[in-house]
Amino acid sequence: MDIPQDNPQPGVAERAIDAATDVSRTIGEVAGGLHAAVDRLTAAIEEARKPGKPLATLAAITREAPLASLCIAFMFGVAIARRR
């Protein structure tokens, strides 16, 4: 007759290694997604900096009148902050 044997439960060290492996995979996936998002954002910013595009125009205006640009940005920030 065969005596039934219990399946041994994984030890604390094995469970810790499994948890660390899962965390490592998750961090890798998040880092990959973040890297892809940064690449897309960088491409969008580079596109907007081309001559005639909005960021190029804004940069030119800021170089010509930095104090006026700062004042407008401050007032815009105050208007946004008051809505919340």
Protein backbone atom coordinates (compact mmCIF):
# COMPACT_ATOMS: atom_id res chain seq x y z
CA MET A 1 0.00 0.00 0.00
CA ASP A 2 1.11 3.53 -0.79
CA ILE A 3 1.05 6.02 1.99
CA PRO A 4 -0.35 9.39 0.84
CA GLN A 5 2.17 12.16 1.29
CA ASP A 6 1.38 15.80 1.81
CA ASN A 7 2.66 18.26 -0.75
CA PRO A 8 5.29 20.31 1.03
CA GLN A 9 4.47 23.99 1.37
CA PRO A 10 7.05 26.45 0.03
CA GLY A 11 9.32 27.84 2.68
CA VAL A 12 9.65 31.46 3.71
CA ALA A 13 12.74 31.92 1.55
CA GLU A 14 11.00 30.52 -1.54
CA ARG A 15 7.98 32.75 -1.00
CA ALA A 16 10.23 35.79 -0.54
CA ILE A 17 12.09 34.99 -3.77
CA ASP A 18 8.77 34.58 -5.62
CA ALA A 19 7.50 37.90 -4.26
CA ALA A 20 10.73 39.66 -5.20
CA THR A 21 10.54 38.20 -8.71
CA ASP A 22 6.95 39.41 -9.11
CA VAL A 23 7.87 42.88 -7.89
CA SER A 24 10.85 42.98 -10.23
CA ARG A 25 8.66 42.07 -13.20
CA THR A 26 6.09 44.70 -12.24
CA ILE A 27 8.75 47.38 -11.89
CA GLY A 28 10.15 46.37 -15.27
CA GLU A 29 6.73 46.68 -16.91
CA VAL A 30 6.08 50.07 -15.30
CA ALA A 31 9.53 51.31 -16.31
CA GLY A 32 8.93 50.16 -19.89
CA GLY A 33 5.59 51.96 -20.03
CA LEU A 34 7.09 55.09 -18.53
CA HIS A 35 9.95 55.01 -21.03
CA ALA A 36 7.47 54.75 -23.93
CA ALA A 37 5.43 57.67 -22.55
CA VAL A 38 8.54 59.82 -22.18
CA ASP A 39 9.55 59.02 -25.76
CA ARG A 40 6.11 60.07 -27.06
CA LEU A 41 6.17 63.27 -24.99
CA THR A 42 9.68 64.11 -26.19
CA ALA A 43 8.62 63.62 -29.80
CA ALA A 44 5.56 65.84 -29.28
CA ILE A 45 7.66 68.60 -27.71
CA GLU A 46 10.24 68.42 -30.50
CA GLU A 47 7.44 68.70 -33.06
CA ALA A 48 5.95 71.72 -31.26
CA ARG A 49 9.36 73.46 -31.18
CA LYS A 50 9.71 73.56 -34.95
CA PRO A 51 9.52 77.05 -36.48
CA GLY A 52 5.98 78.35 -36.75
CA LYS A 53 4.63 75.91 -34.16
CA PRO A 54 3.20 76.99 -30.77
CA LEU A 55 6.26 76.40 -28.58
CA ALA A 56 8.55 78.19 -31.01
CA THR A 57 6.21 81.18 -31.03
CA LEU A 58 5.93 81.18 -27.24
CA ALA A 59 9.72 80.99 -26.88
CA ALA A 60 10.17 83.94 -29.25
CA ILE A 61 7.62 86.03 -27.35
CA THR A 62 9.28 85.17 -24.05
CA ARG A 63 12.70 86.21 -25.36
CA GLU A 64 11.31 89.53 -26.59
CA ALA A 65 9.34 90.43 -23.45
CA PRO A 66 10.30 88.24 -20.47
CA LEU A 67 8.70 90.41 -17.78
CA ALA A 68 5.37 90.67 -19.60
CA SER A 69 5.41 86.90 -20.20
CA LEU A 70 6.07 86.27 -16.50
CA CYS A 71 3.20 88.56 -15.55
CA ILE A 72 0.79 86.80 -17.90
CA ALA A 73 1.89 83.37 -16.62
CA PHE A 74 1.38 84.52 -13.02
CA MET A 75 -2.12 85.86 -13.73
CA PHE A 76 -3.00 82.65 -15.58
CA GLY A 77 -1.84 80.64 -12.56
CA VAL A 78 -3.89 82.74 -10.18
CA ALA A 79 -6.97 82.34 -12.36
CA ILE A 80 -6.55 78.57 -12.47
CA ALA A 81 -5.89 78.35 -8.70
CA ARG A 82 -9.04 80.33 -7.85
CA ARG A 83 -11.25 77.93 -9.79
CA ARG A 84 -10.24 75.05 -7.57
